[in-house]
Every structure is written in structure tokens, then in C-alpha cells.
Amino acid sequence: MGIEQGECKWHKTPMILYPSIHIKNGVVARLTRSAGDLQQVEVLHADPGQRAADFEAQGFSWLHVVDLDGAFEGRSVNGAAIDAILSAVKIPVQLSGGLRDMKEIEHWLDRGVARVVLTSAALQAPELTREACQRFRGRIAVKVDSRGGYVATTGWADTTSIKALDLALRVEEAGAAALIYADINQDGALSEINTEAIIDLAFALTMPVIASGGVNSLQDLAELKENTRAGIAGLILGRALYNGRINAEEALQLAAG
């Protein structure tokens, strides 16, 4: 009876869902493959601000925004579209893509971004990561893109010899508020999510883990929801939310427990 009660408690722990808005050339788009080919994109919505407002109206409590061009160029590129999103919603926004120096981090936190997500910078500039985590406590997350268990950088184009878990432990020690984990062999392909890898990573860390990539059904969400005790605190929803394979209302109800 005691074990069953414990499982029930964890099952009812809320999970935050983050609808993703990837921006390329000022519009909402997604790469059609996990490989870093910016020419293979699918336009999902012409107005990022309106898309953000629609997500807020559906009941989502956070947004995950990615400057897709910025991720490859190493600097913010779609500033106007990001500003439009910040003006269109009241819910918090976490921003990723091209944020590789303190000036960019400060700029977007000052503009109203609730949380900055460091990707390549977390590996290539550990001093910057540590300084940002200390200066902006609770407002710096790190995204680890993993290909075969190893960290991928430069907008997924390059795979390093650094294990994803090793980098995760490093940024946890630096003070990151959360870790976003994505298996980029799955991301955007609507294949099965690597649930086992996410759970293993979450158990190894004390900071919350946000899963990303490969979710294409409510069953995927339910499996992650059942493992909130491992430290899986959130899930980024992408293409499946746009094409209707995941219903927003049903997903929010399930995530709320």
C-alpha cells in the first residue's frame, strides 16, 4: 500500500509543457531532418507573435523559443521576431540559439526573456557559463544535444567526443537552473523518444531535466510523466503539436496530473 501511494504521488506531480517556436528568416519553421541543413525547412506559421499568443490562449504556461539562424551563426539573428513574441504574451519565455557571450545574455534577459538557454557556449565557454549562472541565478538553463550519447554542437552539425552526462554534471556544478536534453537523431523526425536515456540522465542529476525531441504521442508524454520522480520536470513539444498528433488540451490535462 505504501509503495502504491508513493507512485500515485509522483504520478500527480505536474509537468511543465513548453511548446516550441523555432524561428528562421522571421517565421516559425522546423528543420525537416536532424542534420544541420538549413535549406531543409518546413514553414509552420508566418507570424511568431501570433503563434505565441495562440499557445498562451490554449493554456500553456511557458514557451520555448529558438533562433534557428542564430544557432548556426553564433549570434542572435531573429531579434525582431523574438521581440514580437515577448510583446504578444505574458507567460515566461525561454530563449535559445546563438547566445554565446555575456552581452547577448544580458540583452535578452533585459528585454524580458525569463530564462536564457545556453547550448554550444556551455561546452565551448565554461567560464562564461559559470559566470552567467552565478550572475543570473535561476535564469540560465543549458541544452545538451546528444547524438549517440555524445554532445553535438553548432546547431547539431558537429558531434564531439564529450559525453552528454559529463557536460550535464559540469553545468550542474556551475549552477544551471535546468538541463534541456535532446537526442538529435530523433528530434524533428517524429520517431520514438529515447525515454530510457532521458530517465538515466535525470536520475544522475539533482537539477531538473526538460526532455526534448521525438515526442509524437500522448503515450510518450505519459511515459515521461510517470518518471517525474527521476527529475523530469518538463517536456518541449514541437512538430507533433503543430500537426495535431498531440492535442494541446489533452496534453495539458495529462501533464497537470
Protein backbone atom coordinates (compact mmCIF):
# COMPACT_ATOMS: atom_id res chain seq x y z
CA MET A 1 0.00 0.00 0.00
CA GLY A 2 2.82 2.40 0.87
CA ILE A 3 4.57 1.88 -2.47
CA GLU A 4 1.33 2.41 -4.36
CA GLN A 5 0.71 5.67 -2.53
CA GLY A 6 4.21 6.87 -3.39
CA GLU A 7 3.74 6.04 -7.06
CA CYS A 8 0.43 7.89 -7.06
CA LYS A 9 2.02 10.97 -5.55
CA TRP A 10 4.70 11.09 -8.23
CA HIS A 11 2.19 10.43 -10.97
CA LYS A 12 0.28 13.54 -9.86
CA THR A 13 3.35 15.76 -9.87
CA PRO A 14 2.74 18.43 -12.54
CA MET A 15 4.99 18.54 -15.58
CA ILE A 16 5.55 21.81 -17.46
CA LEU A 17 4.94 21.64 -21.20
CA TYR A 18 6.91 24.03 -23.41
CA PRO A 19 5.54 24.48 -26.93
CA SER A 20 8.49 25.31 -29.16
CA ILE A 21 8.72 28.16 -31.63
CA HIS A 22 11.71 27.78 -33.93
CA ILE A 23 12.37 30.90 -35.98
CA LYS A 24 14.08 31.07 -39.36
CA ASN A 25 14.06 34.15 -41.55
CA GLY A 26 11.48 35.74 -39.28
CA VAL A 27 8.89 32.96 -39.49
CA VAL A 28 8.10 29.85 -37.46
CA ALA A 29 9.83 26.89 -39.07
CA ARG A 30 11.31 23.48 -38.33
CA LEU A 31 14.25 21.62 -39.78
CA THR A 32 12.93 18.57 -41.61
CA ARG A 33 15.96 16.49 -40.60
CA SER A 34 18.13 16.33 -37.50
CA ALA A 35 21.20 17.04 -39.64
CA GLY A 36 22.10 20.73 -39.74
CA ASP A 37 20.85 21.61 -43.20
CA LEU A 38 19.10 24.97 -43.03
CA GLN A 39 17.75 24.56 -46.54
CA GLN A 40 15.51 21.66 -45.48
CA VAL A 41 12.89 23.55 -43.52
CA GLU A 42 9.13 23.47 -43.17
CA VAL A 43 7.33 26.76 -42.54
CA LEU A 44 4.77 26.27 -39.77
CA HIS A 45 3.45 29.79 -39.16
CA ALA A 46 4.13 33.16 -40.73
CA ASP A 47 3.70 35.22 -37.55
CA PRO A 48 5.76 34.17 -34.48
CA GLY A 49 3.97 36.64 -32.20
CA GLN A 50 0.55 35.32 -33.14
CA ARG A 51 1.71 31.73 -32.81
CA ALA A 52 2.96 32.53 -29.30
CA ALA A 53 -0.31 34.22 -28.37
CA ASP A 54 -2.24 31.18 -29.59
CA PHE A 55 -0.19 28.89 -27.37
CA GLU A 56 -0.82 31.15 -24.39
CA ALA A 57 -4.55 31.13 -25.12
CA GLN A 58 -4.52 27.33 -25.18
CA GLY A 59 -3.29 27.32 -21.60
CA PHE A 60 0.46 26.73 -21.86
CA SER A 61 2.43 28.34 -19.03
CA TRP A 62 5.84 28.60 -20.75
CA LEU A 63 7.26 28.98 -24.27
CA HIS A 64 10.49 27.60 -25.70
CA VAL A 65 11.81 29.88 -28.46
CA VAL A 66 14.79 29.04 -30.69
CA ASP A 67 16.58 31.43 -33.02
CA LEU A 68 17.35 28.76 -35.60
CA ASP A 69 19.55 31.01 -37.73
CA GLY A 70 21.32 32.19 -34.61
CA ALA A 71 22.15 28.63 -33.58
CA PHE A 72 24.22 28.23 -36.73
CA GLU A 73 25.67 31.74 -36.95
CA GLY A 74 26.61 32.06 -33.28
CA ARG A 75 24.73 35.31 -32.67
CA SER A 76 21.13 36.47 -32.40
CA VAL A 77 19.63 36.86 -35.88
CA ASN A 78 15.84 36.97 -35.49
CA GLY A 79 15.63 39.70 -32.88
CA ALA A 80 12.52 41.35 -34.32
CA ALA A 81 10.56 38.09 -34.24
CA ILE A 82 11.67 37.38 -30.67
CA ASP A 83 10.63 40.87 -29.60
CA ALA A 84 7.25 40.27 -31.23
CA ILE A 85 6.79 37.13 -29.14
CA LEU A 86 7.76 38.91 -25.93
CA SER A 87 5.25 41.66 -26.70
CA ALA A 88 2.47 39.21 -27.56
CA VAL A 89 2.45 37.09 -24.39
CA LYS A 90 2.57 37.41 -20.61
CA ILE A 91 3.77 33.86 -19.92
CA PRO A 92 7.52 33.33 -19.43
CA VAL A 93 9.74 32.63 -22.43
CA GLN A 94 12.98 30.69 -22.50
CA LEU A 95 15.25 31.56 -25.42
CA SER A 96 17.91 29.53 -27.19
CA GLY A 97 20.08 30.00 -30.27
CA GLY A 98 23.27 31.98 -30.80
CA LEU A 99 23.63 33.14 -27.19
CA ARG A 100 27.37 32.81 -26.78
CA ASP A 101 28.54 35.91 -24.93
CA MET A 102 27.50 37.87 -21.85
CA LYS A 103 26.32 40.84 -23.89
CA GLU A 104 23.72 38.73 -25.71
CA ILE A 105 22.63 37.04 -22.49
CA GLU A 106 22.18 40.35 -20.69
CA HIS A 107 20.40 41.88 -23.68
CA TRP A 108 17.67 39.25 -23.81
CA LEU A 109 17.21 39.00 -20.07
CA ASP A 110 16.78 42.77 -20.03
CA ARG A 111 14.30 42.55 -22.92
CA GLY A 112 12.03 40.29 -20.88
CA VAL A 113 13.20 36.74 -21.56
CA ALA A 114 12.64 34.75 -18.37
CA ARG A 115 15.37 32.20 -18.98
CA VAL A 116 18.27 32.03 -21.41
CA VAL A 117 19.28 28.63 -22.72
CA LEU A 118 22.97 28.08 -23.48
CA THR A 119 23.89 25.34 -25.94
CA SER A 120 27.27 25.42 -27.69
CA ALA A 121 28.53 28.00 -25.19
CA ALA A 122 28.13 25.54 -22.34
CA LEU A 123 30.80 23.33 -23.89
CA GLN A 124 32.99 25.87 -25.61
CA ALA A 125 32.93 28.60 -22.95
CA PRO A 126 32.66 27.02 -19.48
CA GLU A 127 33.82 30.23 -17.80
CA LEU A 128 31.01 32.18 -19.46
CA THR A 129 28.51 29.53 -18.42
CA ARG A 130 29.63 29.60 -14.80
CA GLU A 131 29.63 33.40 -14.66
CA ALA A 132 26.17 33.64 -16.22
CA CYS A 133 24.76 31.03 -13.85
CA GLN A 134 26.13 32.90 -10.86
CA ARG A 135 25.11 36.38 -12.02
CA PHE A 136 21.62 35.38 -13.13
CA ARG A 137 20.66 32.66 -10.68
CA GLY A 138 17.66 30.66 -11.78
CA ARG A 139 17.62 32.27 -15.23
CA ILE A 140 20.24 30.21 -17.08
CA ALA A 141 19.43 26.77 -18.45
CA VAL A 142 21.66 24.58 -20.59
CA LYS A 143 20.58 22.46 -23.54
CA VAL A 144 22.57 19.34 -24.32
CA ASP A 145 22.02 17.90 -27.78
CA SER A 146 23.17 14.30 -27.80
CA ARG A 147 23.98 12.11 -30.75
CA GLY A 148 24.69 8.56 -29.64
CA GLY A 149 25.38 9.75 -26.10
CA TYR A 150 27.89 12.42 -27.18
CA VAL A 151 27.42 16.17 -27.28
CA ALA A 152 26.57 17.76 -30.64
CA THR A 153 27.27 21.46 -31.25
CA THR A 154 26.96 24.24 -33.83
CA GLY A 155 23.26 23.79 -34.43
CA TRP A 156 23.60 19.98 -34.37
CA ALA A 157 26.15 19.97 -37.21
CA ASP A 158 29.15 18.64 -35.26
CA THR A 159 29.48 15.74 -32.82
CA THR A 160 32.14 15.97 -30.13
CA SER A 161 33.97 13.35 -28.06
CA ILE A 162 32.38 14.70 -24.85
CA LYS A 163 29.75 12.53 -23.23
CA ALA A 164 26.39 14.21 -22.64
CA LEU A 165 26.35 13.13 -19.00
CA ASP A 166 29.79 14.61 -18.36
CA LEU A 167 28.71 18.00 -19.70
CA ALA A 168 25.46 17.81 -17.75
CA LEU A 169 27.32 17.21 -14.50
CA ARG A 170 29.67 20.08 -15.31
CA VAL A 171 26.91 22.63 -15.86
CA GLU A 172 25.02 21.39 -12.83
CA GLU A 173 28.09 22.13 -10.74
CA ALA A 174 28.28 25.57 -12.37
CA GLY A 175 24.78 26.37 -11.11
CA ALA A 176 22.49 25.93 -14.12
CA ALA A 177 18.80 26.17 -13.26
CA ALA A 178 17.74 23.31 -15.53
CA LEU A 179 19.03 20.97 -18.22
CA ILE A 180 17.25 20.52 -21.53
CA TYR A 181 18.13 17.20 -23.14
CA ALA A 182 17.52 16.22 -26.75
CA ASP A 183 18.54 13.20 -28.76
CA ILE A 184 19.04 14.87 -32.12
CA ASN A 185 18.83 11.62 -34.03
CA GLN A 186 15.18 11.75 -33.01
CA ASP A 187 14.48 15.49 -32.97
CA GLY A 188 12.00 16.56 -35.65
CA ALA A 189 11.69 13.09 -37.15
CA LEU A 190 8.58 12.01 -35.17
CA SER A 191 10.29 8.75 -34.24
CA GLU A 192 10.23 7.21 -30.77
CA ILE A 193 11.61 9.30 -27.94
CA ASN A 194 14.66 7.90 -26.16
CA THR A 195 12.90 7.70 -22.82
CA GLU A 196 15.48 5.43 -21.22
CA ALA A 197 18.35 7.84 -21.91
CA ILE A 198 16.39 10.79 -20.51
CA ILE A 199 15.44 8.91 -17.34
CA ASP A 200 19.02 7.73 -16.79
CA LEU A 201 20.31 11.27 -17.19
CA ALA A 202 17.68 12.71 -14.85
CA PHE A 203 18.50 10.18 -12.14
CA ALA A 204 22.17 11.16 -12.33
CA LEU A 205 21.45 14.85 -11.75
CA THR A 206 19.92 16.93 -8.98
CA MET A 207 18.78 19.81 -11.21
CA PRO A 208 15.50 19.41 -13.13
CA VAL A 209 15.61 17.94 -16.62
CA ILE A 210 13.42 19.08 -19.51
CA ALA A 211 13.03 16.48 -22.25
CA SER A 212 13.05 17.46 -25.91
CA GLY A 213 12.88 15.69 -29.24
CA GLY A 214 10.99 12.73 -30.67
CA VAL A 215 7.70 13.09 -28.77
CA ASN A 216 4.83 12.26 -31.09
CA SER A 217 2.00 10.95 -28.91
CA LEU A 218 0.27 11.30 -25.58
CA GLN A 219 1.72 7.90 -24.70
CA ASP A 220 5.22 9.38 -24.95
CA LEU A 221 4.12 12.15 -22.62
CA ALA A 222 2.54 9.66 -20.21
CA GLU A 223 5.75 7.62 -20.02
CA LEU A 224 7.77 10.71 -19.14
CA LYS A 225 5.10 11.86 -16.69
CA GLU A 226 5.38 8.56 -14.83
CA ASN A 227 9.07 9.30 -14.26
CA THR A 228 8.83 12.73 -12.68
CA ARG A 229 10.45 11.21 -9.59
CA ALA A 230 13.61 10.78 -11.68
CA GLY A 231 13.76 14.55 -12.05
CA ILE A 232 11.99 15.01 -15.38
CA ALA A 233 10.29 18.33 -14.78
CA GLY A 234 9.21 19.35 -18.27
CA LEU A 235 8.81 18.49 -21.91
CA ILE A 236 9.30 20.58 -25.04
CA LEU A 237 6.64 19.89 -27.64
CA GLY A 238 7.39 20.57 -31.27
CA ARG A 239 6.24 19.20 -34.56
CA ALA A 240 3.64 16.79 -33.18
CA LEU A 241 1.85 19.70 -31.55
CA TYR A 242 1.78 21.64 -34.81
CA ASN A 243 0.47 18.80 -36.97
CA GLY A 244 -2.16 17.68 -34.49
CA ARG A 245 -0.71 14.33 -33.46
CA ILE A 246 -0.74 15.73 -29.93
CA ASN A 247 -3.82 17.65 -28.81
CA ALA A 248 -2.90 20.66 -26.68
CA GLU A 249 -5.83 20.38 -24.27
CA GLU A 250 -5.31 16.66 -23.69
CA ALA A 251 -1.58 17.10 -23.25
CA LEU A 252 -2.03 19.87 -20.69
CA GLN A 253 -4.53 17.79 -18.73
CA LEU A 254 -2.18 14.82 -18.67
CA ALA A 255 0.81 16.93 -17.69
CA ALA A 256 -1.14 18.51 -14.84
CA GLY A 257 -1.74 15.09 -13.34
